[in-house]
PDB file of N, CA and C in Angstrom:
ATOM      1  N   MET A   1       5.870   2.429   4.511  1.00  0.00           N
ATOM      2  CA  MET A   1       5.274   1.998   2.939  1.00  0.00           C
ATOM      3  C   MET A   1       5.273   0.755   2.773  1.00  0.00           C
ATOM      4  N   PRO A   2       4.374   0.018   2.510  1.00  0.00           N
ATOM      5  CA  PRO A   2       4.091  -0.973   1.879  1.00  0.00           C
ATOM      6  C   PRO A   2       4.897  -1.686   1.062  1.00  0.00           C
ATOM      7  N   LYS A   3       5.139  -2.865   0.849  1.00  0.00           N
ATOM      8  CA  LYS A   3       6.205  -3.353  -0.073  1.00  0.00           C
ATOM      9  C   LYS A   3       5.547  -3.881  -1.048  1.00  0.00           C
ATOM     10  N   LYS A   4       5.700  -4.276  -1.851  1.00  0.00           N
ATOM     11  CA  LYS A   4       5.202  -5.057  -2.823  1.00  0.00           C
ATOM     12  C   LYS A   4       4.790  -6.627  -2.547  1.00  0.00           C
ATOM     13  N   SER A   5       5.422  -7.267  -1.785  1.00  0.00           N
ATOM     14  CA  SER A   5       5.392  -8.429  -1.205  1.00  0.00           C
ATOM     15  C   SER A   5       4.191  -8.378  -0.281  1.00  0.00           C
ATOM     16  N   ASP A   6       3.922  -7.072   0.396  1.00  0.00           N
ATOM     17  CA  ASP A   6       2.637  -7.402   1.772  1.00  0.00           C
ATOM     18  C   ASP A   6       1.177  -7.704   0.903  1.00  0.00           C
ATOM     19  N   ARG A   7       0.751  -8.217   1.671  1.00  0.00           N
ATOM     20  CA  ARG A   7      -0.585  -8.969   1.082  1.00  0.00           C
ATOM     21  C   ARG A   7      -1.594  -8.438   2.458  1.00  0.00           C
ATOM     22  N   TYR A   8      -3.108  -8.617   1.921  1.00  0.00           N
ATOM     23  CA  TYR A   8      -3.904  -8.211   2.679  1.00  0.00           C
ATOM     24  C   TYR A   8      -4.929  -9.463   2.408  1.00  0.00           C
ATOM     25  N   VAL A   9      -5.613  -9.836   3.741  1.00  0.00           N
ATOM     26  CA  VAL A   9      -6.933 -10.916   3.806  1.00  0.00           C
ATOM     27  C   VAL A   9      -8.070  -9.831   4.075  1.00  0.00           C
ATOM     28  N   VAL A  10      -8.870 -10.018   3.180  1.00  0.00           N
ATOM     29  CA  VAL A  10     -10.229  -9.048   3.333  1.00  0.00           C
ATOM     30  C   VAL A  10     -11.175  -9.974   2.980  1.00  0.00           C
ATOM     31  N   LYS A  11     -12.570  -9.503   3.426  1.00  0.00           N
ATOM     32  CA  LYS A  11     -13.974 -10.278   3.267  1.00  0.00           C
ATOM     33  C   LYS A  11     -14.360  -9.960   1.652  1.00  0.00           C
ATOM     34  N   ASN A  12     -14.345 -11.042   1.139  1.00  0.00           N
ATOM     35  CA  ASN A  12     -14.997 -10.962  -0.456  1.00  0.00           C
ATOM     36  C   ASN A  12     -16.884 -10.475  -0.268  1.00  0.00           C
ATOM     37  N   PRO A  13     -17.257  -9.591  -0.796  1.00  0.00           N
ATOM     38  CA  PRO A  13     -18.699  -9.501  -0.850  1.00  0.00           C
ATOM     39  C   PRO A  13     -19.576 -10.557  -1.180  1.00  0.00           C
ATOM     40  N   ASP A  14     -19.079 -11.454  -2.365  1.00  0.00           N
ATOM     41  CA  ASP A  14     -19.893 -12.489  -2.576  1.00  0.00           C
ATOM     42  C   ASP A  14     -19.557 -13.746  -2.025  1.00  0.00           C
ATOM     43  N   GLY A  15     -18.845 -13.429  -0.730  1.00  0.00           N
ATOM     44  CA  GLY A  15     -18.542 -14.768   0.170  1.00  0.00           C
ATOM     45  C   GLY A  15     -17.146 -15.255  -0.007  1.00  0.00           C
ATOM     46  N   GLY A  16     -16.637 -15.587   1.280  1.00  0.00           N
ATOM     47  CA  GLY A  16     -15.283 -16.354   1.444  1.00  0.00           C
ATOM     48  C   GLY A  16     -14.260 -15.059   1.304  1.00  0.00           C
ATOM     49  N   TRP A  17     -13.143 -15.439   1.464  1.00  0.00           N
ATOM     50  CA  TRP A  17     -11.961 -14.254   1.743  1.00  0.00           C
ATOM     51  C   TRP A  17     -10.926 -14.210   0.505  1.00  0.00           C
ATOM     52  N   ASP A  18     -10.517 -13.019   0.248  1.00  0.00           N
ATOM     53  CA  ASP A  18      -9.337 -12.678  -0.858  1.00  0.00           C
ATOM     54  C   ASP A  18      -8.366 -12.358  -0.135  1.00  0.00           C
ATOM     55  N   VAL A  19      -7.232 -13.113  -0.872  1.00  0.00           N
ATOM     56  CA  VAL A  19      -5.832 -12.267  -0.374  1.00  0.00           C
ATOM     57  C   VAL A  19      -5.536 -10.944  -1.301  1.00  0.00           C
ATOM     58  N   LYS A  20      -5.295  -9.933  -1.110  1.00  0.00           N
ATOM     59  CA  LYS A  20      -4.884  -9.066  -2.175  1.00  0.00           C
ATOM     60  C   LYS A  20      -3.801  -8.349  -1.795  1.00  0.00           C
ATOM     61  N   ALA A  21      -2.896  -7.840  -2.923  1.00  0.00           N
ATOM     62  CA  ALA A  21      -2.040  -6.836  -2.690  1.00  0.00           C
ATOM     63  C   ALA A  21      -2.302  -5.458  -2.683  1.00  0.00           C
ATOM     64  N   GLY A  22      -1.687  -4.503  -2.162  1.00  0.00           N
ATOM     65  CA  GLY A  22      -2.245  -3.220  -2.103  1.00  0.00           C
ATOM     66  C   GLY A  22      -2.599  -2.607  -3.009  1.00  0.00           C
ATOM     67  N   GLY A  23      -3.742  -2.005  -3.352  1.00  0.00           N
ATOM     68  CA  GLY A  23      -4.108  -1.267  -4.485  1.00  0.00           C
ATOM     69  C   GLY A  23      -4.633  -2.315  -5.581  1.00  0.00           C
ATOM     70  N   ALA A  24      -4.226  -3.353  -5.590  1.00  0.00           N
ATOM     71  CA  ALA A  24      -4.674  -4.308  -6.627  1.00  0.00           C
ATOM     72  C   ALA A  24      -6.106  -4.791  -6.712  1.00  0.00           C
ATOM     73  N   LYS A  25      -6.775  -4.647  -7.910  1.00  0.00           N
ATOM     74  CA  LYS A  25      -8.164  -4.987  -8.255  1.00  0.00           C
ATOM     75  C   LYS A  25      -8.551  -6.374  -7.997  1.00  0.00           C
ATOM     76  N   ARG A  26      -7.423  -7.192  -8.444  1.00  0.00           N
ATOM     77  CA  ARG A  26      -7.901  -8.587  -8.473  1.00  0.00           C
ATOM     78  C   ARG A  26      -6.920  -9.199  -7.467  1.00  0.00           C
ATOM     79  N   ALA A  27      -7.625 -10.503  -6.915  1.00  0.00           N
ATOM     80  CA  ALA A  27      -7.278 -11.149  -5.574  1.00  0.00           C
ATOM     81  C   ALA A  27      -5.978 -11.937  -6.221  1.00  0.00           C
ATOM     82  N   SER A  28      -4.814 -11.941  -4.996  1.00  0.00           N
ATOM     83  CA  SER A  28      -4.080 -13.026  -5.386  1.00  0.00           C
ATOM     84  C   SER A  28      -4.337 -14.607  -5.182  1.00  0.00           C
ATOM     85  N   ALA A  29      -5.529 -14.439  -4.436  1.00  0.00           N
ATOM     86  CA  ALA A  29      -5.914 -15.986  -4.231  1.00  0.00           C
ATOM     87  C   ALA A  29      -7.359 -15.492  -3.620  1.00  0.00           C
ATOM     88  N   HIS A  30      -8.405 -16.865  -3.707  1.00  0.00           N
ATOM     89  CA  HIS A  30      -9.507 -16.666  -3.065  1.00  0.00           C
ATOM     90  C   HIS A  30      -9.731 -17.932  -1.965  1.00  0.00           C
ATOM     91  N   LYS A  31     -10.304 -17.853  -0.938  1.00  0.00           N
ATOM     92  CA  LYS A  31     -10.411 -19.079   0.036  1.00  0.00           C
ATOM     93  C   LYS A  31     -11.709 -19.066   0.664  1.00  0.00           C
ATOM     94  N   ASP A  32     -12.146 -20.239   0.953  1.00  0.00           N
ATOM     95  CA  ASP A  32     -13.414 -20.063   1.510  1.00  0.00           C
ATOM     96  C   ASP A  32     -13.497 -19.364   3.254  1.00  0.00           C
ATOM     97  N   THR A  33     -12.444 -19.791   4.071  1.00  0.00           N
ATOM     98  CA  THR A  33     -12.504 -19.419   5.201  1.00  0.00           C
ATOM     99  C   THR A  33     -11.263 -18.343   5.230  1.00  0.00           C
ATOM    100  N   GLN A  34     -11.146 -17.722   6.622  1.00  0.00           N
ATOM    101  CA  GLN A  34     -10.281 -16.708   6.782  1.00  0.00           C
ATOM    102  C   GLN A  34      -9.277 -17.316   7.117  1.00  0.00           C
ATOM    103  N   ALA A  35      -9.074 -18.367   7.649  1.00  0.00           N
ATOM    104  CA  ALA A  35      -8.058 -19.327   8.292  1.00  0.00           C
ATOM    105  C   ALA A  35      -7.052 -19.986   7.056  1.00  0.00           C
ATOM    106  N   GLU A  36      -7.748 -19.999   5.767  1.00  0.00           N
ATOM    107  CA  GLU A  36      -7.251 -20.745   4.860  1.00  0.00           C
ATOM    108  C   GLU A  36      -6.470 -19.434   3.903  1.00  0.00           C
ATOM    109  N   ALA A  37      -7.351 -18.326   3.784  1.00  0.00           N
ATOM    110  CA  ALA A  37      -6.860 -17.101   3.279  1.00  0.00           C
ATOM    111  C   ALA A  37      -5.663 -16.846   4.090  1.00  0.00           C
ATOM    112  N   GLU A  38      -5.370 -16.336   5.152  1.00  0.00           N
ATOM    113  CA  GLU A  38      -4.270 -16.016   5.829  1.00  0.00           C
ATOM    114  C   GLU A  38      -3.101 -16.899   5.421  1.00  0.00           C
ATOM    115  N   LYS A  39      -3.446 -18.452   5.444  1.00  0.00           N
ATOM    116  CA  LYS A  39      -2.191 -19.301   5.294  1.00  0.00           C
ATOM    117  C   LYS A  39      -1.618 -19.284   3.894  1.00  0.00           C
ATOM    118  N   ARG A  40      -2.620 -18.700   3.174  1.00  0.00           N
ATOM    119  CA  ARG A  40      -2.140 -18.888   1.531  1.00  0.00           C
ATOM    120  C   ARG A  40      -1.151 -17.411   1.619  1.00  0.00           C
ATOM    121  N   ALA A  41      -1.802 -16.633   2.150  1.00  0.00           N
ATOM    122  CA  ALA A  41      -1.277 -15.050   2.211  1.00  0.00           C
ATOM    123  C   ALA A  41       0.527 -15.316   2.963  1.00  0.00           C
ATOM    124  N   LYS A  42       0.305 -15.782   3.898  1.00  0.00           N
ATOM    125  CA  LYS A  42       1.682 -16.029   4.263  1.00  0.00           C
ATOM    126  C   LYS A  42       2.654 -16.696   3.184  1.00  0.00           C
ATOM    127  N   GLU A  43       1.891 -17.834   2.617  1.00  0.00           N
ATOM    128  CA  GLU A  43       3.167 -18.380   1.511  1.00  0.00           C
ATOM    129  C   GLU A  43       3.454 -17.498   0.464  1.00  0.00           C
ATOM    130  N   ILE A  44       2.512 -16.575  -0.233  1.00  0.00           N
ATOM    131  CA  ILE A  44       2.854 -15.767  -0.703  1.00  0.00           C
ATOM    132  C   ILE A  44       3.785 -14.742  -0.514  1.00  0.00           C
ATOM    133  N   VAL A  45       3.658 -14.211   0.500  1.00  0.00           N
ATOM    134  CA  VAL A  45       4.788 -13.106   1.028  1.00  0.00           C
ATOM    135  C   VAL A  45       5.923 -14.071   1.258  1.00  0.00           C
ATOM    136  N   GLU A  46       5.977 -15.073   1.926  1.00  0.00           N
ATOM    137  CA  GLU A  46       7.186 -15.685   2.167  1.00  0.00           C
ATOM    138  C   GLU A  46       7.901 -16.236   1.019  1.00  0.00           C
ATOM    139  N   ASN A  47       7.178 -16.162  -0.169  1.00  0.00           N
ATOM    140  CA  ASN A  47       7.850 -16.829  -1.778  1.00  0.00           C
ATOM    141  C   ASN A  47       8.339 -15.379  -2.196  1.00  0.00           C
ATOM    142  N   LEU A  48       7.704 -14.425  -1.864  1.00  0.00           N
ATOM    143  CA  LEU A  48       8.312 -13.140  -2.546  1.00  0.00           C
ATOM    144  C   LEU A  48       9.396 -11.998  -1.876  1.00  0.00           C
ATOM    145  N   GLY A  49       9.850 -13.019  -0.635  1.00  0.00           N
ATOM    146  CA  GLY A  49      10.769 -12.524   0.024  1.00  0.00           C
ATOM    147  C   GLY A  49      10.717 -11.721   1.201  1.00  0.00           C
ATOM    148  N   GLY A  50       9.318 -12.260   1.523  1.00  0.00           N
ATOM    149  CA  GLY A  50       8.966 -11.446   3.088  1.00  0.00           C
ATOM    150  C   GLY A  50       8.505 -10.202   3.281  1.00  0.00           C
ATOM    151  N   GLY A  51       7.842 -10.110   4.070  1.00  0.00           N
ATOM    152  CA  GLY A  51       6.691  -8.825   4.313  1.00  0.00           C
ATOM    153  C   GLY A  51       5.602  -8.958   5.451  1.00  0.00           C
ATOM    154  N   GLU A  52       4.670  -8.323   5.296  1.00  0.00           N
ATOM    155  CA  GLU A  52       3.582  -7.922   6.098  1.00  0.00           C
ATOM    156  C   GLU A  52       2.181  -8.974   5.415  1.00  0.00           C
ATOM    157  N   VAL A  53       1.262  -9.561   6.513  1.00  0.00           N
ATOM    158  CA  VAL A  53       0.249  -9.893   6.340  1.00  0.00           C
ATOM    159  C   VAL A  53      -0.685  -9.182   7.204  1.00  0.00           C
ATOM    160  N   ARG A  54      -1.938  -8.452   6.542  1.00  0.00           N
ATOM    161  CA  ARG A  54      -2.682  -7.921   7.509  1.00  0.00           C
ATOM    162  C   ARG A  54      -3.987  -8.329   7.199  1.00  0.00           C
ATOM    163  N   ILE A  55      -4.519  -8.584   8.592  1.00  0.00           N
ATOM    164  CA  ILE A  55      -6.132  -9.355   8.389  1.00  0.00           C
ATOM    165  C   ILE A  55      -7.163  -8.434   8.829  1.00  0.00           C
ATOM    166  N   GLN A  56      -8.227  -8.202   8.137  1.00  0.00           N
ATOM    167  CA  GLN A  56      -9.167  -7.566   8.436  1.00  0.00           C
ATOM    168  C   GLN A  56     -10.388  -8.787   9.184  1.00  0.00           C
ATOM    169  N   ASP A  57     -11.021  -8.042   9.819  1.00  0.00           N
ATOM    170  CA  ASP A  57     -12.155  -8.941  10.045  1.00  0.00           C
ATOM    171  C   ASP A  57     -13.676  -8.766   9.296  1.00  0.00           C
ATOM    172  N   ARG A  58     -14.727  -9.071   9.770  1.00  0.00           N
ATOM    173  CA  ARG A  58     -15.495  -9.272   8.693  1.00  0.00           C
ATOM    174  C   ARG A  58     -16.138  -7.811   8.565  1.00  0.00           C
ATOM    175  N   LYS A  59     -16.080  -6.894   9.617  1.00  0.00           N
ATOM    176  CA  LYS A  59     -16.190  -5.203   9.515  1.00  0.00           C
ATOM    177  C   LYS A  59     -15.503  -4.718   8.821  1.00  0.00           C
ATOM    178  N   GLY A  60     -14.649  -5.282   8.109  1.00  0.00           N
ATOM    179  CA  GLY A  60     -13.257  -4.231   7.378  1.00  0.00           C
ATOM    180  C   GLY A  60     -12.438  -3.391   8.188  1.00  0.00           C
ATOM    181  N   ARG A  61     -12.442  -3.966   9.294  1.00  0.00           N
ATOM    182  CA  ARG A  61     -11.524  -3.188  10.176  1.00  0.00           C
ATOM    183  C   ARG A  61      -9.981  -4.037  10.451  1.00  0.00           C
ATOM    184  N   PHE A  62      -8.954  -3.671  10.312  1.00  0.00           N
ATOM    185  CA  PHE A  62      -7.856  -4.627  10.718  1.00  0.00           C
ATOM    186  C   PHE A  62      -7.408  -5.253  12.082  1.00  0.00           C
ATOM    187  N   ARG A  63      -7.707  -6.086  11.868  1.00  0.00           N
ATOM    188  CA  ARG A  63      -7.666  -7.100  13.566  1.00  0.00           C
ATOM    189  C   ARG A  63      -6.440  -7.743  13.857  1.00  0.00           C
ATOM    190  N   ASP A  64      -5.393  -7.674  12.752  1.00  0.00           N
ATOM    191  CA  ASP A  64      -4.239  -8.420  13.043  1.00  0.00           C
ATOM    192  C   ASP A  64      -3.020  -8.367  11.989  1.00  0.00           C
ATOM    193  N   SER A  65      -1.931  -8.143  12.166  1.00  0.00           N
ATOM    194  CA  SER A  65      -0.933  -8.094  11.521  1.00  0.00           C
ATOM    195  C   SER A  65       0.153  -8.878  11.645  1.00  0.00           C
ATOM    196  N   ASP A  66       1.050  -9.655  10.450  1.00  0.00           N
ATOM    197  CA  ASP A  66       1.877 -10.744  11.035  1.00  0.00           C
ATOM    198  C   ASP A  66       3.382 -10.445   9.702  1.00  0.00           C
ATOM    199  N   THR A  67       4.268 -10.111  10.620  1.00  0.00           N
ATOM    200  CA  THR A  67       5.523 -10.387   9.808  1.00  0.00           C
ATOM    201  C   THR A  67       6.041 -11.367   9.333  1.00  0.00           C
ATOM    202  N   VAL A  68       6.243 -11.710   7.900  1.00  0.00           N
ATOM    203  CA  VAL A  68       6.761 -13.135   7.618  1.00  0.00           C
ATOM    204  C   VAL A  68       7.877 -12.904   7.048  1.00  0.00           C
ATOM    205  N   PRO A  69       9.126 -13.842   7.487  1.00  0.00           N
ATOM    206  CA  PRO A  69      10.291 -13.697   7.042  1.00  0.00           C
ATOM    207  C   PRO A  69      10.278 -14.184   5.583  1.00  0.00           C
ATOM    208  N   LYS A  70      11.480 -13.790   4.908  1.00  0.00           N
ATOM    209  CA  LYS A  70      11.419 -14.684   3.640  1.00  0.00           C
ATOM    210  C   LYS A  70      12.013 -16.204   3.707  1.00  0.00           C
ATOM    211  N   GLY A  71      11.462 -16.866   2.752  1.00  0.00           N
ATOM    212  CA  GLY A  71      11.848 -18.291   2.708  1.00  0.00           C
ATOM    213  C   GLY A  71      12.869 -18.925   3.298  1.00  0.00           C
ATOM    214  N   SER A  72      14.072 -18.547   2.726  1.00  0.00           N
ATOM    215  CA  SER A  72      15.172 -19.056   3.477  1.00  0.00           C
ATOM    216  C   SER A  72      16.013 -18.264   4.466  1.00  0.00           C
ATOM    217  N   ASP A  73      14.949 -17.827   5.682  1.00  0.00           N
ATOM    218  CA  ASP A  73      15.517 -16.906   6.764  1.00  0.00           C
ATOM    219  C   ASP A  73      16.399 -17.841   7.343  1.00  0.00           C
ATOM    220  N   PRO A  74      17.921 -17.292   7.551  1.00  0.00           N
ATOM    221  CA  PRO A  74      18.587 -17.957   8.462  1.00  0.00           C
ATOM    222  C   PRO A  74      18.507 -18.145   9.802  1.00  0.00           C
ATOM    223  N   ARG A  75      17.817 -16.824  10.336  1.00  0.00           N
ATOM    224  CA  ARG A  75      17.544 -16.660  12.012  1.00  0.00           C
ATOM    225  C   ARG A  75      16.540 -17.443  12.278  1.00  0.00           C
ATOM    226  N   SER A  76      16.965 -18.079  13.732  1.00  0.00           N
ATOM    227  CA  SER A  76      16.359 -19.138  14.480  1.00  0.00           C
ATOM    228  C   SER A  76      15.027 -18.160  14.989  1.00  0.00           C
ATOM    229  N   SER A  77      14.957 -16.899  15.090  1.00  0.00           N
ATOM    230  CA  SER A  77      13.609 -16.434  15.876  1.00  0.00           C
ATOM    231  C   SER A  77      12.687 -16.618  14.984  1.00  0.00           C
ATOM    232  N   LYS A  78      11.578 -16.894  15.516  1.00  0.00           N
ATOM    233  CA  LYS A  78       9.975 -17.062  14.336  1.00  0.00           C
ATOM    234  C   LYS A  78       9.127 -16.512  15.201  1.00  0.00           C
ATOM    235  N   ASP A  79       8.195 -16.063  14.462  1.00  0.00           N
ATOM    236  CA  ASP A  79       6.927 -15.222  15.149  1.00  0.00           C
ATOM    237  C   ASP A  79       6.113 -16.436  15.947  1.00  0.00           C
ATOM    238  N   THR A  80       6.055 -16.383  17.348  1.00  0.00           N
ATOM    239  CA  THR A  80       5.215 -17.326  18.136  1.00  0.00           C
ATOM    240  C   THR A  80       3.747 -16.994  18.055  1.00  0.00           C
ATOM    241  N   LYS A  81       3.285 -16.303  17.624  1.00  0.00           N
ATOM    242  CA  LYS A  81       1.894 -15.619  17.777  1.00  0.00           C
ATOM    243  C   LYS A  81       1.146 -16.386  16.777  1.00  0.00           C
ATOM    244  N   HIS A  82       1.605 -16.732  15.697  1.00  0.00           N
ATOM    245  CA  HIS A  82       0.857 -17.339  14.613  1.00  0.00           C
ATOM    246  C   HIS A  82       1.425 -18.563  14.173  1.00  0.00           C
TER     247      HIS A  82
END
């Protein structure tokens, strides 16, 4: 089950990329590039206590998912993929 802090990076039909919460009508953020939107999504999730960032490709299929720890995570293990 998705957490409230989870965010999705999705293509905006008018151009650019949106960061959205599950089921939200409005975007949490809008960026010109997917990379910028992914970075902002990770910042939001981190500030909300950690969760998942899921990224769609241009065709609307999920191509990647990343777990983001909460901001003051004392664990030394970090995601090395991103």
